[in-house]
């Protein structure tokens, strides 16, 4: 018996050590997920700020080009303006495409990080929700089948009604005594 107790002490000490390691691992994973999230938000903010700066620089460059073209072209300013607007449009399209690609890269990286951490995806949650709804419907169907016999056992309620009648009779007899 003494050997068995010692073995159980070692097991409990080992399990508390394993639990401490598991808690530490959980904390590390949580901190890592937080850092991934913050890095992604920082990258998104930086890309947004730099995208705005790029657009502003293109507008300034377009204005300078338009002024220079007016000086040299004279009456052809409208044609030059059309060319400039076309180039600005192209630059805007490229910036938008770049922005869309950056968003896609960001989303992909965040999704990969979440997948590595074991966070379920939107599709996983949708499937789980459907499964819960299916199980809920099954439980309702089964509880509906068992609820019918329970509904037949309504006799105790009639006994409660008799008690009310008895108490009414007692009240009537009390009223009769003070008068008598």
N, C-alpha and C. Protein backbone atom coordinates (compact mmCIF):
# COMPACT_ATOMS: atom_id res chain seq x y z
N UNK A 1 0.82 -1.20 0.00
CA UNK A 1 0.00 0.00 0.00
C UNK A 1 0.86 1.26 0.00
N UNK A 2 1.95 1.27 0.75
CA UNK A 2 2.79 2.47 0.82
C UNK A 2 3.38 2.80 -0.55
N UNK A 3 3.73 1.77 -1.29
CA UNK A 3 4.28 2.01 -2.62
C UNK A 3 3.23 2.64 -3.52
N UNK A 4 1.99 2.25 -3.37
CA UNK A 4 0.92 2.81 -4.20
C UNK A 4 0.73 4.29 -3.89
N UNK A 5 0.80 4.68 -2.62
CA UNK A 5 0.64 6.09 -2.25
C UNK A 5 1.77 6.92 -2.84
N UNK A 6 2.99 6.41 -2.78
CA UNK A 6 4.12 7.15 -3.34
C UNK A 6 3.94 7.33 -4.84
N UNK A 7 3.47 6.32 -5.49
CA UNK A 7 3.25 6.41 -6.94
C UNK A 7 2.20 7.46 -7.25
N UNK A 8 1.15 7.53 -6.43
CA UNK A 8 0.11 8.53 -6.70
C UNK A 8 0.62 9.94 -6.43
N UNK A 9 1.51 10.10 -5.47
CA UNK A 9 2.09 11.42 -5.23
C UNK A 9 2.93 11.85 -6.43
N UNK A 10 3.70 10.92 -6.98
CA UNK A 10 4.50 11.25 -8.15
C UNK A 10 3.60 11.62 -9.33
N UNK A 11 2.51 10.92 -9.46
CA UNK A 11 1.58 11.19 -10.56
C UNK A 11 0.95 12.56 -10.39
N UNK A 12 0.55 12.90 -9.16
CA UNK A 12 -0.06 14.22 -8.95
C UNK A 12 0.96 15.33 -9.15
N UNK A 13 2.21 15.08 -8.74
CA UNK A 13 3.24 16.09 -8.96
C UNK A 13 3.53 16.23 -10.45
N UNK A 14 3.54 15.12 -11.16
CA UNK A 14 3.76 15.15 -12.60
C UNK A 14 2.61 15.84 -13.32
N UNK A 15 1.38 15.58 -12.86
CA UNK A 15 0.23 16.21 -13.53
C UNK A 15 0.18 17.70 -13.25
N UNK A 16 0.60 18.13 -12.04
CA UNK A 16 0.61 19.57 -11.78
C UNK A 16 1.70 20.25 -12.62
N UNK A 17 2.81 19.55 -12.84
CA UNK A 17 3.85 20.09 -13.72
C UNK A 17 3.37 20.17 -15.16
N UNK A 18 2.66 19.14 -15.57
CA UNK A 18 2.10 19.15 -16.93
C UNK A 18 1.06 20.24 -17.07
N UNK A 19 0.28 20.42 -16.01
CA UNK A 19 -0.74 21.48 -16.06
C UNK A 19 -0.06 22.85 -16.13
N UNK A 20 1.00 23.04 -15.38
CA UNK A 20 1.73 24.31 -15.42
C UNK A 20 2.32 24.54 -16.81
N UNK A 21 2.86 23.48 -17.41
CA UNK A 21 3.39 23.61 -18.77
C UNK A 21 2.29 23.93 -19.77
N UNK A 22 1.16 23.30 -19.59
CA UNK A 22 0.02 23.56 -20.50
C UNK A 22 -0.46 24.99 -20.35
N UNK A 23 -0.53 25.48 -19.11
CA UNK A 23 -0.95 26.87 -18.90
C UNK A 23 0.06 27.84 -19.50
N UNK A 24 1.35 27.54 -19.35
CA UNK A 24 2.40 28.39 -19.92
C UNK A 24 2.30 28.39 -21.44
N UNK A 25 2.08 27.22 -22.03
CA UNK A 25 1.94 27.12 -23.48
C UNK A 25 0.72 27.90 -23.96
N UNK A 26 -0.37 27.79 -23.22
CA UNK A 26 -1.59 28.53 -23.57
C UNK A 26 -1.34 30.03 -23.51
N UNK A 27 -0.64 30.47 -22.47
CA UNK A 27 -0.34 31.90 -22.33
C UNK A 27 0.57 32.37 -23.46
N UNK A 28 1.56 31.55 -23.81
CA UNK A 28 2.47 31.90 -24.90
C UNK A 28 1.72 32.00 -26.23
N UNK A 29 0.84 31.06 -26.49
CA UNK A 29 0.04 31.10 -27.72
C UNK A 29 -0.85 32.33 -27.76
N UNK A 30 -1.43 32.67 -26.64
CA UNK A 30 -2.30 33.85 -26.58
C UNK A 30 -1.49 35.12 -26.85
N UNK A 31 -0.32 35.22 -26.24
CA UNK A 31 0.53 36.39 -26.47
C UNK A 31 0.98 36.45 -27.93
N UNK A 32 1.31 35.29 -28.50
CA UNK A 32 1.74 35.24 -29.90
C UNK A 32 0.61 35.68 -30.82
N UNK A 33 -0.59 35.24 -30.55
CA UNK A 33 -1.75 35.65 -31.37
C UNK A 33 -1.96 37.15 -31.27
N UNK A 34 -1.81 37.70 -30.08
CA UNK A 34 -1.96 39.15 -29.88
C UNK A 34 -0.90 39.91 -30.68
N UNK A 35 0.34 39.41 -30.67
CA UNK A 35 1.40 40.07 -31.42
C UNK A 35 1.15 40.00 -32.92
N UNK A 36 0.66 38.87 -33.41
CA UNK A 36 0.34 38.74 -34.84
C UNK A 36 -0.74 39.74 -35.21
N UNK A 37 -1.75 39.83 -34.37
CA UNK A 37 -2.85 40.78 -34.63
C UNK A 37 -2.32 42.21 -34.67
N UNK A 38 -1.52 42.60 -33.68
CA UNK A 38 -1.00 43.96 -33.63
C UNK A 38 -0.09 44.26 -34.82
N UNK A 39 0.72 43.28 -35.22
CA UNK A 39 1.58 43.47 -36.39
C UNK A 39 0.74 43.68 -37.64
N UNK A 40 -0.31 42.94 -37.77
CA UNK A 40 -1.20 43.10 -38.93
C UNK A 40 -1.87 44.45 -38.95
N UNK A 41 -2.35 44.88 -37.79
CA UNK A 41 -2.99 46.20 -37.71
C UNK A 41 -1.97 47.30 -38.02
N UNK A 42 -0.76 47.15 -37.52
CA UNK A 42 0.29 48.13 -37.82
C UNK A 42 0.61 48.17 -39.31
N UNK A 43 0.71 47.01 -39.94
CA UNK A 43 0.99 46.96 -41.38
C UNK A 43 -0.15 47.60 -42.17
N UNK A 44 -1.36 47.35 -41.75
CA UNK A 44 -2.52 47.93 -42.43
C UNK A 44 -2.50 49.46 -42.31
N UNK A 45 -2.21 49.97 -41.11
CA UNK A 45 -2.14 51.42 -40.90
C UNK A 45 -1.03 52.06 -41.71
N UNK A 46 0.12 51.42 -41.74
CA UNK A 46 1.24 51.96 -42.50
C UNK A 46 0.92 51.99 -43.99
N UNK A 47 0.34 50.93 -44.50
CA UNK A 47 -0.02 50.88 -45.92
C UNK A 47 -1.04 51.95 -46.26
N UNK A 48 -1.97 52.17 -45.36
CA UNK A 48 -2.99 53.19 -45.61
C UNK A 48 -2.34 54.58 -45.64
N UNK A 49 -1.46 54.86 -44.69
CA UNK A 49 -0.79 56.17 -44.64
C UNK A 49 0.09 56.37 -45.87
N UNK A 50 0.85 55.36 -46.25
CA UNK A 50 1.73 55.49 -47.41
C UNK A 50 0.93 55.57 -48.70
N UNK A 51 -0.21 54.91 -48.76
CA UNK A 51 -1.07 55.01 -49.94
C UNK A 51 -1.58 56.42 -50.11
N UNK A 52 -1.96 57.07 -49.03
CA UNK A 52 -2.41 58.46 -49.08
C UNK A 52 -1.29 59.39 -49.50
N UNK A 53 -0.09 59.16 -48.98
CA UNK A 53 1.06 59.98 -49.36
C UNK A 53 1.37 59.83 -50.85
N UNK A 54 1.30 58.61 -51.34
CA UNK A 54 1.56 58.36 -52.76
C UNK A 54 0.55 59.10 -53.62
N UNK A 55 -0.70 59.06 -53.25
CA UNK A 55 -1.74 59.74 -54.01
C UNK A 55 -1.49 61.25 -54.01
N UNK A 56 -1.19 61.81 -52.83
CA UNK A 56 -0.92 63.26 -52.75
C UNK A 56 0.28 63.64 -53.62
N UNK A 57 1.32 62.82 -53.60
CA UNK A 57 2.51 63.10 -54.42
C UNK A 57 2.15 63.06 -55.90
N UNK A 58 1.31 62.14 -56.30
CA UNK A 58 0.89 62.06 -57.70
C UNK A 58 0.06 63.27 -58.10
N UNK A 59 -0.78 63.75 -57.22
CA UNK A 59 -1.58 64.95 -57.51
C UNK A 59 -0.66 66.15 -57.70
N UNK A 60 0.31 66.32 -56.80
CA UNK A 60 1.26 67.44 -56.93
C UNK A 60 2.04 67.34 -58.23
N UNK A 61 2.50 66.15 -58.54
CA UNK A 61 3.26 65.94 -59.77
C UNK A 61 2.39 66.25 -60.98
N UNK A 62 1.14 65.87 -60.94
CA UNK A 62 0.22 66.16 -62.03
C UNK A 62 0.00 67.65 -62.19
N UNK A 63 -0.15 68.38 -61.09
CA UNK A 63 -0.32 69.84 -61.17
C UNK A 63 0.92 70.50 -61.76
N UNK A 64 2.08 70.08 -61.31
CA UNK A 64 3.33 70.62 -61.86
C UNK A 64 3.45 70.34 -63.35
N UNK A 65 3.12 69.14 -63.72
CA UNK A 65 3.19 68.76 -65.13
C UNK A 65 2.20 69.58 -65.96
N UNK A 66 1.01 69.79 -65.41
CA UNK A 66 0.00 70.58 -66.12
C UNK A 66 0.47 72.03 -66.31
N UNK A 67 1.05 72.61 -65.27
CA UNK A 67 1.54 73.99 -65.38
C UNK A 67 2.67 74.09 -66.41
N UNK A 68 3.58 73.14 -66.38
CA UNK A 68 4.68 73.12 -67.35
C UNK A 68 4.14 72.95 -68.76
N UNK A 69 3.20 72.10 -68.91
CA UNK A 69 2.62 71.85 -70.24
C UNK A 69 1.90 73.10 -70.75
N UNK A 70 1.22 73.82 -69.89
CA UNK A 70 0.54 75.05 -70.32
C UNK A 70 1.54 76.09 -70.83
N UNK A 71 2.67 76.17 -70.14
CA UNK A 71 3.69 77.14 -70.56
C UNK A 71 4.19 76.82 -71.96
N UNK A 72 4.47 75.55 -72.21
CA UNK A 72 5.05 75.16 -73.49
C UNK A 72 4.00 74.95 -74.59
N UNK A 73 2.84 74.52 -74.22
CA UNK A 73 1.86 74.15 -75.24
C UNK A 73 0.94 75.29 -75.63
N UNK A 74 0.78 76.25 -74.78
CA UNK A 74 -0.11 77.36 -75.10
C UNK A 74 -1.55 76.91 -75.23
N UNK A 75 -2.07 76.86 -76.46
CA UNK A 75 -3.46 76.53 -76.70
C UNK A 75 -3.77 75.05 -76.61
N UNK A 76 -2.78 74.25 -76.44
CA UNK A 76 -2.99 72.80 -76.38
C UNK A 76 -3.13 72.31 -74.94
N UNK A 77 -3.45 73.20 -74.03
CA UNK A 77 -3.56 72.84 -72.61
C UNK A 77 -4.64 71.80 -72.36
N UNK A 78 -5.73 71.89 -73.08
CA UNK A 78 -6.81 70.91 -72.89
C UNK A 78 -6.35 69.50 -73.25
N UNK A 79 -5.58 69.40 -74.31
CA UNK A 79 -5.07 68.10 -74.71
C UNK A 79 -4.10 67.56 -73.65
N UNK A 80 -3.26 68.45 -73.16
CA UNK A 80 -2.30 68.05 -72.13
C UNK A 80 -3.04 67.64 -70.86
N UNK A 81 -4.09 68.38 -70.50
CA UNK A 81 -4.88 68.06 -69.31
C UNK A 81 -5.48 66.67 -69.45
N UNK A 82 -5.98 66.35 -70.63
CA UNK A 82 -6.54 65.03 -70.87
C UNK A 82 -5.49 63.94 -70.67
N UNK A 83 -4.29 64.20 -71.18
CA UNK A 83 -3.20 63.24 -71.01
C UNK A 83 -2.86 63.08 -69.53
N UNK A 84 -2.78 64.20 -68.83
CA UNK A 84 -2.44 64.15 -67.40
C UNK A 84 -3.53 63.40 -66.63
N UNK A 85 -4.80 63.72 -66.91
CA UNK A 85 -5.89 63.04 -66.23
C UNK A 85 -5.86 61.54 -66.51
N UNK A 86 -5.51 61.19 -67.72
CA UNK A 86 -5.39 59.79 -68.08
C UNK A 86 -4.29 59.11 -67.27
N UNK A 87 -3.15 59.78 -67.16
CA UNK A 87 -2.04 59.21 -66.39
C UNK A 87 -2.36 59.14 -64.90
N UNK A 88 -3.03 60.16 -64.40
CA UNK A 88 -3.44 60.13 -62.99
C UNK A 88 -4.42 58.97 -62.77
N UNK A 89 -5.33 58.78 -63.72
CA UNK A 89 -6.27 57.66 -63.63
C UNK A 89 -5.55 56.33 -63.60
N UNK A 90 -4.53 56.21 -64.47
CA UNK A 90 -3.75 54.97 -64.49
C UNK A 90 -3.02 54.77 -63.17
N UNK A 91 -2.44 55.85 -62.65
CA UNK A 91 -1.73 55.76 -61.38
C UNK A 91 -2.70 55.38 -60.26
N UNK A 92 -3.89 55.96 -60.30
CA UNK A 92 -4.91 55.64 -59.30
C UNK A 92 -5.29 54.16 -59.37
N UNK A 93 -5.44 53.64 -60.59
CA UNK A 93 -5.76 52.23 -60.77
C UNK A 93 -4.65 51.34 -60.23
N UNK A 94 -3.41 51.72 -60.52
CA UNK A 94 -2.28 50.93 -60.01
C UNK A 94 -2.23 50.97 -58.49
N UNK A 95 -2.48 52.16 -57.93
CA UNK A 95 -2.49 52.28 -56.46
C UNK A 95 -3.60 51.43 -55.87
N UNK A 96 -4.76 51.45 -56.50
CA UNK A 96 -5.88 50.64 -56.02
C UNK A 96 -5.56 49.16 -56.11
N UNK A 97 -4.97 48.74 -57.23
CA UNK A 97 -4.58 47.34 -57.39
C UNK A 97 -3.56 46.93 -56.33
N UNK A 98 -2.59 47.80 -56.11
CA UNK A 98 -1.57 47.52 -55.09
C UNK A 98 -2.22 47.42 -53.72
N UNK A 99 -3.13 48.33 -53.45
CA UNK A 99 -3.83 48.34 -52.17
C UNK A 99 -4.63 47.04 -51.99
N UNK A 100 -5.32 46.60 -53.04
CA UNK A 100 -6.09 45.37 -52.97
C UNK A 100 -5.19 44.16 -52.74
N UNK A 101 -4.05 44.14 -53.41
CA UNK A 101 -3.10 43.03 -53.21
C UNK A 101 -2.56 43.03 -51.79
N UNK A 102 -2.28 44.22 -51.25
CA UNK A 102 -1.78 44.33 -49.89
C UNK A 102 -2.83 43.82 -48.90
N UNK A 103 -4.07 44.20 -49.10
CA UNK A 103 -5.14 43.72 -48.23
C UNK A 103 -5.24 42.20 -48.29
N UNK A 104 -5.14 41.64 -49.49
CA UNK A 104 -5.22 40.19 -49.66
C UNK A 104 -4.08 39.49 -48.94
N UNK A 105 -2.87 40.03 -49.08
CA UNK A 105 -1.71 39.45 -48.39
C UNK A 105 -1.91 39.51 -46.88
N UNK A 106 -2.40 40.64 -46.39
CA UNK A 106 -2.65 40.81 -44.96
C UNK A 106 -3.68 39.79 -44.48
N UNK A 107 -4.78 39.67 -45.21
CA UNK A 107 -5.83 38.73 -44.82
C UNK A 107 -5.31 37.30 -44.83
N UNK A 108 -4.53 36.95 -45.84
CA UNK A 108 -3.98 35.59 -45.93
C UNK A 108 -3.06 35.30 -44.76
N UNK A 109 -2.21 36.24 -44.42
CA UNK A 109 -1.27 36.02 -43.32
C UNK A 109 -1.99 35.91 -41.98
N UNK A 110 -2.96 36.76 -41.77
CA UNK A 110 -3.73 36.68 -40.52
C UNK A 110 -4.46 35.35 -40.46
N UNK A 111 -5.05 34.92 -41.57
CA UNK A 111 -5.77 33.64 -41.60
C UNK A 111 -4.83 32.48 -41.32
N UNK A 112 -3.62 32.51 -41.90
CA UNK A 112 -2.66 31.45 -41.63
C UNK A 112 -2.26 31.42 -40.17
N UNK A 113 -2.05 32.60 -39.58
CA UNK A 113 -1.67 32.66 -38.17
C UNK A 113 -2.80 32.13 -37.30
N UNK A 114 -4.02 32.51 -37.61
CA UNK A 114 -5.17 32.02 -36.83
C UNK A 114 -5.33 30.51 -36.99
N UNK A 115 -5.08 30.01 -38.18
CA UNK A 115 -5.18 28.57 -38.42
C UNK A 115 -4.11 27.83 -37.61
N UNK A 116 -2.90 28.37 -37.58
CA UNK A 116 -1.83 27.75 -36.80
C UNK A 116 -2.16 27.73 -35.32
N UNK A 117 -2.87 28.75 -34.85
CA UNK A 117 -3.24 28.82 -33.44
C UNK A 117 -4.48 27.99 -33.13
N UNK A 118 -5.09 27.43 -34.15
CA UNK A 118 -6.26 26.58 -33.93
C UNK A 118 -7.57 27.33 -33.85
N UNK A 119 -7.61 28.57 -34.28
CA UNK A 119 -8.85 29.35 -34.27
C UNK A 119 -9.69 28.89 -35.46
N UNK A 120 -10.95 28.53 -35.21
CA UNK A 120 -11.78 28.04 -36.32
C UNK A 120 -12.10 29.14 -37.33
N UNK A 121 -12.28 28.73 -38.59
CA UNK A 121 -12.58 29.68 -39.65
C UNK A 121 -14.08 29.97 -39.68
N UNK A 122 -14.48 30.92 -40.51
CA UNK A 122 -15.89 31.28 -40.66
C UNK A 122 -16.67 30.06 -41.16
N UNK A 123 -16.09 29.29 -42.08
CA UNK A 123 -16.76 28.09 -42.59
C UNK A 123 -16.92 27.05 -41.50
N UNK A 124 -15.88 26.87 -40.68
CA UNK A 124 -15.96 25.92 -39.57
C UNK A 124 -17.08 26.31 -38.61
N UNK A 125 -17.18 27.59 -38.30
CA UNK A 125 -18.23 28.05 -37.39
C UNK A 125 -19.61 27.88 -38.02
N UNK A 126 -19.72 28.09 -39.33
CA UNK A 126 -21.00 27.88 -40.01
C UNK A 126 -21.43 26.43 -39.95
N UNK A 127 -20.48 25.52 -40.20
CA UNK A 127 -20.78 24.09 -40.12
C UNK A 127 -21.18 23.70 -38.71
N UNK A 128 -20.48 24.23 -37.72
CA UNK A 128 -20.79 23.95 -36.33
C UNK A 128 -22.18 24.47 -35.98
N UNK A 129 -22.51 25.64 -36.45
CA UNK A 129 -23.83 26.21 -36.20
C UNK A 129 -24.92 25.34 -36.80
N UNK A 130 -24.72 24.86 -38.02
CA UNK A 130 -25.69 23.97 -38.65
C UNK A 130 -25.84 22.68 -37.84
N UNK A 131 -24.74 22.17 -37.36
CA UNK A 131 -24.76 20.93 -36.57
C UNK A 131 -25.53 21.15 -35.27
N UNK A 132 -25.31 22.28 -34.61
CA UNK A 132 -26.03 22.59 -33.37
C UNK A 132 -27.52 22.71 -33.65
N UNK A 133 -27.88 23.37 -34.74
CA UNK A 133 -29.30 23.50 -35.10
C UNK A 133 -29.91 22.13 -35.35
N UNK A 134 -29.18 21.25 -36.02
CA UNK A 134 -29.66 19.90 -36.30
C UNK A 134 -29.87 19.14 -35.00
N UNK A 135 -28.91 19.21 -34.10
CA UNK A 135 -29.03 18.52 -32.81
C UNK A 135 -30.16 19.10 -31.97
N UNK A 136 -30.34 20.42 -32.02
CA UNK A 136 -31.43 21.05 -31.28
C UNK A 136 -32.78 20.57 -31.80
N UNK A 137 -32.91 20.49 -33.12
CA UNK A 137 -34.15 19.99 -33.71
C UNK A 137 -34.40 18.55 -33.31
N UNK A 138 -33.35 17.75 -33.29
CA UNK A 138 -33.47 16.35 -32.89
C UNK A 138 -33.90 16.24 -31.43
N UNK A 139 -33.32 17.05 -30.55
CA UNK A 139 -33.71 17.05 -29.14
C UNK A 139 -35.16 17.48 -28.97
N UNK A 140 -35.58 18.49 -29.70
CA UNK A 140 -36.97 18.93 -29.61
C UNK A 140 -37.91 17.83 -30.08
N UNK A 141 -37.53 17.15 -31.14
CA UNK A 141 -38.36 16.07 -31.66
C UNK A 141 -38.45 14.95 -30.62
N UNK A 142 -37.33 14.60 -30.00
CA UNK A 142 -37.33 13.53 -29.00
C UNK A 142 -38.06 13.96 -27.73
N UNK A 143 -37.88 15.19 -27.30
CA UNK A 143 -38.56 15.64 -26.08
C UNK A 143 -40.05 15.79 -26.33
N UNK A 144 -40.47 16.07 -27.55
CA UNK A 144 -41.89 16.13 -27.89
C UNK A 144 -42.52 14.76 -27.78
N UNK A 145 -41.80 13.72 -28.12
CA UNK A 145 -42.31 12.35 -28.03
C UNK A 145 -42.41 11.91 -26.57
N UNK A 146 -41.51 12.34 -25.71
CA UNK A 146 -41.56 11.96 -24.29
C UNK A 146 -42.44 12.89 -23.49
N UNK A 147 -42.78 14.06 -24.01
CA UNK A 147 -43.60 15.01 -23.26
C UNK A 147 -45.05 14.57 -23.21
N UNK A 148 -45.54 13.77 -24.14
CA UNK A 148 -46.94 13.35 -24.16
C UNK A 148 -47.31 12.50 -22.94
N UNK A 149 -46.51 11.49 -22.55
CA UNK A 149 -46.87 10.75 -21.34
C UNK A 149 -46.81 11.63 -20.09
N UNK A 150 -45.93 12.57 -20.04
CA UNK A 150 -45.84 13.45 -18.88
C UNK A 150 -47.07 14.33 -18.78
N UNK A 151 -47.67 14.68 -19.89
CA UNK A 151 -48.86 15.53 -19.89
C UNK A 151 -50.06 14.78 -19.31
N UNK A 152 -50.09 13.46 -19.36
CA UNK A 152 -51.20 12.67 -18.84
C UNK A 152 -51.19 12.63 -17.31
N UNK A 153 -50.05 12.86 -16.69
CA UNK A 153 -49.93 12.82 -15.24
C UNK A 153 -50.23 14.18 -14.64
N UNK A 154 -51.43 14.69 -14.86
CA UNK A 154 -51.82 16.01 -14.37
C UNK A 154 -52.69 15.91 -13.12
N UNK A 155 -52.80 14.76 -12.49
CA UNK A 155 -53.65 14.56 -11.32
C UNK A 155 -53.24 15.41 -10.12
N UNK A 156 -51.96 15.64 -9.83
CA UNK A 156 -51.62 16.45 -8.64
C UNK A 156 -52.21 17.85 -8.69
N UNK A 157 -52.46 18.37 -9.83
CA UNK A 157 -53.03 19.72 -9.93
C UNK A 157 -54.46 19.74 -9.40
N UNK A 158 -55.19 18.68 -9.60
CA UNK A 158 -56.55 18.61 -9.09
C UNK A 158 -56.54 18.59 -7.56
N UNK A 159 -55.55 17.97 -6.97
CA UNK A 159 -55.44 17.93 -5.52
C UNK A 159 -55.22 19.34 -4.98
N UNK A 160 -54.47 20.14 -5.68
CA UNK A 160 -54.24 21.51 -5.26
C UNK A 160 -55.55 22.29 -5.29
N UNK A 161 -56.41 22.01 -6.24
CA UNK A 161 -57.69 22.70 -6.32
C UNK A 161 -58.57 22.33 -5.13
N UNK A 162 -58.51 21.07 -4.65
CA UNK A 162 -59.29 20.65 -3.50
C UNK A 162 -58.83 21.37 -2.24
N UNK A 163 -57.53 21.60 -2.12
CA UNK A 163 -57.02 22.31 -0.95
C UNK A 163 -57.62 23.70 -0.89
N UNK A 164 -57.75 24.34 -2.02
CA UNK A 164 -58.34 25.67 -2.06
C UNK A 164 -59.78 25.60 -1.58
N UNK A 165 -60.49 24.57 -1.98
CA UNK A 165 -61.88 24.40 -1.57
C UNK A 165 -61.94 24.17 -0.07
N UNK A 166 -61.01 23.37 0.48
CA UNK A 166 -60.97 23.10 1.91
C UNK A 166 -60.68 24.38 2.67
N UNK A 167 -59.76 25.17 2.19
CA UNK A 167 -59.44 26.41 2.89
C UNK A 167 -60.62 27.37 2.82
N UNK A 168 -61.39 27.33 1.77
CA UNK A 168 -62.58 28.17 1.66
C UNK A 168 -63.61 27.73 2.69
N UNK A 169 -63.72 26.44 2.90
CA UNK A 169 -64.66 25.92 3.91
C UNK A 169 -64.21 26.32 5.30
N UNK A 170 -62.91 26.31 5.57
CA UNK A 170 -62.40 26.70 6.89
C UNK A 170 -62.70 28.17 7.14
N UNK A 171 -62.53 28.99 6.13
CA UNK A 171 -62.81 30.42 6.27
C UNK A 171 -64.29 30.64 6.57
N UNK A 172 -65.13 29.89 5.94
CA UNK A 172 -66.57 30.03 6.17
C UNK A 172 -66.91 29.62 7.60
N UNK A 173 -66.25 28.57 8.13
CA UNK A 173 -66.55 28.14 9.50
C UNK A 173 -66.01 29.14 10.51
N UNK A 174 -64.89 29.81 10.20
CA UNK A 174 -64.35 30.84 11.09
C UNK A 174 -65.30 32.02 11.16
N UNK A 175 -65.91 32.35 10.06
CA UNK A 175 -66.86 33.46 10.04
C UNK A 175 -68.10 33.13 10.88
N UNK A 176 -68.46 31.88 10.87
CA UNK A 176 -69.65 31.48 11.61
C UNK A 176 -69.39 31.47 13.11
N UNK A 177 -68.17 31.12 13.59
CA UNK A 177 -67.85 31.05 15.01
C UNK A 177 -67.89 32.40 15.70
N UNK A 178 -67.27 33.46 15.19
CA UNK A 178 -67.33 34.72 15.93
C UNK A 178 -68.76 35.23 16.08
N UNK A 179 -69.58 34.94 15.16
CA UNK A 179 -70.96 35.42 15.26
C UNK A 179 -71.74 34.60 16.26
N UNK A 180 -71.36 33.35 16.63
CA UNK A 180 -72.12 32.41 17.45
C UNK A 180 -71.76 32.42 18.82
